[in-house]
Protein backbone atom coordinates (compact mmCIF):
# COMPACT_ATOMS: atom_id res chain seq x y z
CA UNK A 1 4.74 20.39 10.13
CA UNK A 2 3.07 23.10 8.11
CA UNK A 3 0.25 24.66 10.22
CA UNK A 4 -3.05 22.79 9.88
CA UNK A 5 -4.95 25.60 8.17
CA UNK A 6 -2.19 26.11 5.59
CA UNK A 7 -1.91 22.39 4.88
CA UNK A 8 -5.66 22.07 4.29
CA UNK A 9 -5.59 25.08 1.95
CA UNK A 10 -2.99 23.57 -0.38
CA UNK A 11 -4.22 22.82 -3.92
CA UNK A 12 -4.33 19.19 -5.10
CA UNK A 13 -1.01 17.78 -6.20
CA UNK A 14 -1.16 16.40 -9.74
CA UNK A 15 1.23 13.93 -11.30
CA UNK A 16 1.00 12.67 -14.87
CA UNK A 17 3.12 9.67 -15.76
CA UNK A 18 3.27 6.89 -18.29
CA UNK A 19 3.97 3.29 -17.42
CA UNK A 20 4.98 0.46 -19.69
CA UNK A 21 4.73 -3.30 -19.85
CA UNK A 22 8.20 -3.37 -18.32
CA UNK A 23 7.00 -1.30 -15.34
CA UNK A 24 4.05 -3.66 -14.82
CA UNK A 25 6.37 -6.67 -14.77
CA UNK A 26 8.88 -4.92 -12.49
CA UNK A 27 6.14 -4.11 -9.97
CA UNK A 28 5.05 -7.76 -9.82
CA UNK A 29 8.65 -8.91 -9.39
CA UNK A 30 9.01 -6.38 -6.57
CA UNK A 31 6.19 -8.19 -4.76
CA UNK A 32 7.89 -11.56 -5.20
CA UNK A 33 5.75 -12.92 -8.05
CA UNK A 34 7.62 -15.80 -9.66
CA UNK A 35 9.90 -16.45 -6.69
CA UNK A 36 7.86 -19.48 -5.59
CA UNK A 37 5.99 -20.77 -8.64
CA UNK A 38 7.68 -19.39 -11.77
CA UNK A 39 5.94 -21.88 -14.10
CA UNK A 40 2.44 -21.46 -12.66
CA UNK A 41 0.46 -19.88 -15.52
CA UNK A 42 -1.74 -17.85 -13.18
CA UNK A 43 1.37 -16.30 -11.59
CA UNK A 44 3.31 -16.04 -14.85
CA UNK A 45 0.58 -13.84 -16.30
CA UNK A 46 1.79 -11.00 -14.04
CA UNK A 47 5.47 -11.20 -15.06
CA UNK A 48 5.44 -12.41 -18.68
CA UNK A 49 4.56 -10.14 -21.58
CA UNK A 50 2.47 -12.78 -23.37
CA UNK A 51 -1.04 -12.27 -22.00
CA UNK A 52 0.26 -9.86 -19.35
CA UNK A 53 -2.11 -8.68 -16.60
CA UNK A 54 -1.52 -5.93 -14.05
CA UNK A 55 -1.80 -6.80 -10.39
CA UNK A 56 -4.80 -4.96 -8.91
CA UNK A 57 -2.59 -3.30 -6.28
CA UNK A 58 -0.45 -1.63 -8.95
CA UNK A 59 -2.35 1.70 -8.62
CA UNK A 60 -0.27 2.15 -5.46
CA UNK A 61 2.75 2.92 -7.64
CA UNK A 62 1.22 4.24 -10.88
CA UNK A 63 1.86 8.00 -11.33
CA UNK A 64 3.28 7.88 -7.81
CA UNK A 65 4.00 11.41 -6.53
CA UNK A 66 7.16 10.24 -4.78
CA UNK A 67 8.07 10.70 -1.14
CA UNK A 68 6.67 14.21 -1.22
CA UNK A 69 6.65 14.66 2.57
CA UNK A 70 10.45 14.93 2.38
CA UNK A 71 10.04 18.22 0.48
CA UNK A 72 10.85 21.24 2.69
CA UNK A 73 7.57 23.11 2.10
CA UNK A 74 5.67 20.56 4.22
CA UNK A 75 8.06 20.99 7.18
CA UNK A 76 7.60 17.35 8.24
CA UNK A 77 10.10 15.29 10.25
CA UNK A 78 10.22 12.97 7.24
CA UNK A 79 12.64 10.41 8.72
CA UNK A 80 10.03 9.55 11.36
CA UNK A 81 7.08 9.12 8.99
CA UNK A 82 5.43 5.69 8.92
CA UNK A 83 2.68 4.40 6.66
CA UNK A 84 -0.29 3.84 8.97
CA UNK A 85 -3.19 2.72 6.76
CA UNK A 86 -3.85 2.03 3.10
CA UNK A 87 -7.16 1.85 1.27
CA UNK A 88 -7.67 0.83 -2.35
CA UNK A 89 -10.91 0.88 -4.34
CA UNK A 90 -10.83 -0.27 -7.96
CA UNK A 91 -13.27 1.21 -10.48
CA UNK A 92 -11.85 -0.25 -13.71
CA UNK A 93 -9.25 -2.83 -14.74
CA UNK A 94 -5.70 -1.57 -14.27
CA UNK A 95 -4.04 -1.02 -17.68
CA UNK A 96 -0.73 -2.81 -18.25
CA UNK A 97 0.54 0.33 -20.01
CA UNK A 98 -0.73 3.87 -20.46
CA UNK A 99 -0.62 7.45 -19.22
CA UNK A 100 -2.26 8.17 -15.89
CA UNK A 101 -3.13 11.39 -14.09
CA UNK A 102 -2.87 11.24 -10.30
CA UNK A 103 -4.64 13.84 -8.14
CA UNK A 104 -3.56 13.93 -4.50
CA UNK A 105 -5.36 15.95 -1.83
CA UNK A 106 -5.07 16.15 1.94
CA UNK A 107 -8.28 15.22 3.76
CA UNK A 108 -7.48 15.91 7.41
CA UNK A 109 -4.95 15.79 10.22
CA UNK A 110 -5.60 14.23 13.63
CA UNK A 111 -3.25 15.74 16.20
CA UNK A 112 -2.41 13.26 18.96
CA UNK A 113 -0.52 15.92 20.91
CA UNK A 114 3.09 17.00 21.48
CA UNK A 115 5.50 14.05 21.55
CA UNK A 116 2.66 11.75 20.39
CA UNK A 117 2.62 12.49 16.68
CA UNK A 118 -0.14 13.18 14.19
CA UNK A 119 -2.16 11.28 11.57
CA UNK A 120 -2.28 12.71 8.05
CA UNK A 121 -5.16 11.46 5.84
CA UNK A 122 -4.84 11.81 2.08
CA UNK A 123 -6.72 10.67 -1.02
CA UNK A 124 -5.23 9.99 -4.44
CA UNK A 125 -7.42 9.43 -7.51
CA UNK A 126 -6.06 7.87 -10.69
CA UNK A 127 -7.57 8.78 -14.06
CA UNK A 128 -6.78 7.51 -17.54
CA UNK A 129 -5.30 10.61 -19.16
CA UNK A 130 -6.72 9.76 -22.59
CA UNK A 131 -10.32 9.06 -21.56
CA UNK A 132 -10.63 10.71 -18.15
CA UNK A 133 -12.00 7.46 -16.72
CA UNK A 134 -11.45 6.95 -12.99
CA UNK A 135 -9.38 3.79 -12.49
CA UNK A 136 -8.80 3.71 -8.73
CA UNK A 137 -9.19 5.66 -5.53
CA UNK A 138 -6.43 5.37 -2.95
CA UNK A 139 -6.73 6.49 0.64
CA UNK A 140 -3.79 6.62 3.02
CA UNK A 141 -3.04 7.48 6.62
CA UNK A 142 0.53 8.51 7.47
CA UNK A 143 1.76 8.48 11.06
CA UNK A 144 3.91 11.58 11.52
CA UNK A 145 5.72 10.56 14.67
CA UNK A 146 7.63 13.83 14.98
CA UNK A 147 4.82 16.29 14.25
CA UNK A 148 2.41 16.16 17.17
CA UNK A 149 1.09 19.50 18.34
CA UNK A 150 0.52 20.71 14.78
CA UNK A 151 -2.95 22.09 15.49
CA UNK A 152 -5.03 19.47 13.69
CA UNK A 153 -8.24 17.85 14.87
CA UNK A 154 -8.13 16.36 18.35
CA UNK A 155 -11.00 13.86 18.06
CA UNK A 156 -10.46 10.27 16.95
CA UNK A 157 -10.26 8.96 13.41
CA UNK A 158 -12.79 6.38 12.21
CA UNK A 159 -12.77 2.95 13.86
CA UNK A 160 -10.89 0.20 12.00
CA UNK A 161 -12.54 -2.84 10.43
CA UNK A 162 -12.90 -5.56 13.13
CA UNK A 163 -11.23 -8.97 12.94
CA UNK A 164 -13.48 -11.99 13.71
CA UNK A 165 -12.91 -13.80 17.00
CA UNK A 166 -12.42 -17.23 15.45
CA UNK A 167 -9.87 -19.20 13.50
CA UNK A 168 -9.26 -17.93 9.96
CA UNK A 169 -10.76 -19.76 6.99
CA UNK A 170 -7.53 -19.53 5.00
CA UNK A 171 -3.85 -19.11 5.83
CA UNK A 172 -1.15 -18.54 3.23
CA UNK A 173 2.58 -17.88 3.66
CA UNK A 174 4.47 -15.79 1.10
CA UNK A 175 8.22 -15.21 1.55
CA UNK A 176 10.04 -11.95 0.89
CA UNK A 177 13.60 -11.77 -0.38
CA UNK A 178 16.49 -10.21 1.54
CA UNK A 179 16.80 -7.66 -1.29
CA UNK A 180 13.03 -7.13 -1.66
CA UNK A 181 13.05 -3.45 -0.62
CA UNK A 182 15.87 -2.64 -3.06
CA UNK A 183 13.89 -4.19 -5.89
CA UNK A 184 10.49 -2.79 -4.89
CA UNK A 185 11.79 0.80 -4.64
CA UNK A 186 12.46 0.75 -8.40
CA UNK A 187 8.68 1.03 -8.84
CA UNK A 188 8.83 4.58 -7.51
CA UNK A 189 9.03 4.81 -3.70
CA UNK A 190 12.62 5.96 -3.18
CA UNK A 191 12.30 6.70 0.55
CA UNK A 192 15.83 6.05 1.86
CA UNK A 193 14.35 4.43 4.98
CA UNK A 194 14.08 1.28 2.88
CA UNK A 195 17.65 1.29 1.56
CA UNK A 196 20.01 3.38 3.70
CA UNK A 197 21.09 1.83 7.04
CA UNK A 198 21.95 5.26 8.49
CA UNK A 199 18.47 6.63 7.74
CA UNK A 200 16.93 3.48 9.21
CA UNK A 201 18.96 3.93 12.40
CA UNK A 202 17.82 7.54 12.69
CA UNK A 203 14.21 6.32 12.42
CA UNK A 204 14.77 3.79 15.22
CA UNK A 205 15.37 0.59 13.23
CA UNK A 206 18.53 -1.47 13.22
CA UNK A 207 18.29 -1.96 9.44
CA UNK A 208 16.13 -0.80 6.51
CA UNK A 209 12.53 -1.98 6.60
CA UNK A 210 10.25 -3.17 3.83
CA UNK A 211 7.94 -0.58 2.28
CA UNK A 212 4.46 -0.64 3.78
CA UNK A 213 3.16 -0.57 0.20
CA UNK A 214 5.17 -3.72 -0.52
CA UNK A 215 3.73 -5.50 2.52
CA UNK A 216 0.26 -4.40 1.37
CA UNK A 217 0.98 -5.72 -2.11
CA UNK A 218 2.19 -9.09 -0.83
CA UNK A 219 -1.00 -9.43 1.21
CA UNK A 220 -2.92 -8.40 -1.92
CA UNK A 221 -1.24 -11.29 -3.74
CA UNK A 222 -2.42 -13.66 -1.01
CA UNK A 223 -5.99 -12.37 -1.21
CA UNK A 224 -5.91 -12.58 -5.00
CA UNK A 225 -4.74 -16.19 -4.95
CA UNK A 226 -7.12 -17.43 -2.24
CA UNK A 227 -10.30 -15.47 -2.97
CA UNK A 228 -10.02 -14.54 -6.65
CA UNK A 229 -8.23 -17.51 -8.29
CA UNK A 230 -5.54 -14.99 -9.32
CA UNK A 231 -8.03 -13.11 -11.50
CA UNK A 232 -7.16 -9.41 -11.07
CA UNK A 233 -10.63 -8.37 -12.26
CA UNK A 234 -12.23 -10.09 -9.27
CA UNK A 235 -10.75 -7.79 -6.61
CA UNK A 236 -12.76 -4.65 -5.94
CA UNK A 237 -11.43 -3.25 -2.67
CA UNK A 238 -8.56 -3.83 -0.26
CA UNK A 239 -8.02 -1.89 2.98
CA UNK A 240 -5.63 -2.50 5.88
CA UNK A 241 -3.87 -0.95 8.85
CA UNK A 242 -0.12 -1.36 9.35
CA UNK A 243 0.80 -2.39 12.88
CA UNK A 244 4.50 -3.25 12.68
CA UNK A 245 7.23 -3.15 10.02
CA UNK A 246 8.46 -6.11 8.02
CA UNK A 247 12.16 -6.66 7.43
CA UNK A 248 13.24 -7.91 3.99
CA UNK A 249 13.72 -11.67 4.00
CA UNK A 250 10.85 -12.40 6.39
CA UNK A 251 7.81 -14.53 5.58
CA UNK A 252 4.41 -12.83 5.55
CA UNK A 253 1.55 -15.06 6.68
CA UNK A 254 -1.89 -13.79 5.62
CA UNK A 255 -4.97 -14.95 7.54
CA UNK A 256 -8.32 -14.57 5.79
CA UNK A 257 -11.86 -14.78 7.17
CA UNK A 258 -14.65 -15.08 4.59
CA UNK A 259 -17.79 -13.20 5.64
CA UNK A 260 -20.11 -13.92 2.71
CA UNK A 261 -21.46 -11.64 -0.02
CA UNK A 262 -18.01 -11.12 -1.48
CA UNK A 263 -16.51 -9.75 1.71
CA UNK A 264 -13.56 -10.87 3.82
CA UNK A 265 -11.48 -9.77 6.80
CA UNK A 266 -7.74 -10.25 6.89
CA UNK A 267 -4.64 -9.95 9.00
CA UNK A 268 -0.95 -10.63 8.37
CA UNK A 269 1.95 -11.54 10.59
CA UNK A 270 5.66 -12.21 10.20
CA UNK A 271 6.24 -15.92 10.75
CA UNK A 272 9.82 -15.63 12.02
CA UNK A 273 8.97 -13.18 14.83
CA UNK A 274 5.25 -14.01 15.24
CA UNK A 275 4.46 -10.29 15.05
CA UNK A 276 1.26 -8.91 13.50
CA UNK A 277 2.33 -6.50 10.76
CA UNK A 278 -1.00 -5.72 9.11
CA UNK A 279 -4.42 -5.86 10.73
CA UNK A 280 -8.04 -4.73 10.51
CA UNK A 281 -7.93 -5.66 6.84
CA UNK A 282 -10.96 -5.77 4.56
CA UNK A 283 -11.42 -7.11 1.03
CA UNK A 284 -14.35 -6.95 -1.37
CA UNK A 285 -14.27 -9.34 -4.28
CA UNK A 286 -16.43 -10.90 -6.98
CA UNK A 287 -17.56 -10.43 -10.54
CA UNK A 288 -17.50 -6.77 -11.56
CA UNK A 289 -20.68 -7.30 -13.52
CA UNK A 290 -22.67 -8.08 -10.37
């Protein structure tokens, strides 16, 4: 990887892109909306142009900078990169169409040591290009499995959100399709790890895995349905840590613990393998006017 001091000195990476009603619908389809309840009006509103609403997790793909770590100037072992954590804070409703400016900056690198990898923390802010209004702030942690010993910080990153030691208040299962990754990647994340079997094998998987962003979005759908009555304006924040990959075609079970005051903890597992795939999750929800 690029030496720590040089990486931290890089200027922010800006991306300006327009998205359309078609893109908003395609993103929702990529998360499986309509595959279970195609005539449910609250679900249809995310995939039908009449009264269309954008899913609140759509900022993950709007003005997406692409799989930039594959670019040679970063000198990252890109085939061994995994999405470690994702954080989403919403400041305004997500527009179903418009032009958005994305500003990406690197926050820090935690070096776990040679042969142990490194954690790259980044922040991406999305602004409406016409008004300058801040729509969403995205934070991510990437696990660079092949880049330990890069000279970054050696202390520990912040502690994850704890999961309650009791049974969840809500459990919801949402299936993924066998071709889910091929459909989801059309929203912008073209990392070949999610499509090319040879790249997947090089990364240590026997077949392509589902995008971490797609898993996050499916869990976001579960939170939206259970805690927000499928009202995208009711979700304010969604954070989670990825603990294991999902394979397309598996069922994602989301467990939710309500904690009062518009707060909840969450965790997700794959039903077929009983493996936790997303943990230490946190959601903030409620009326934006409060």
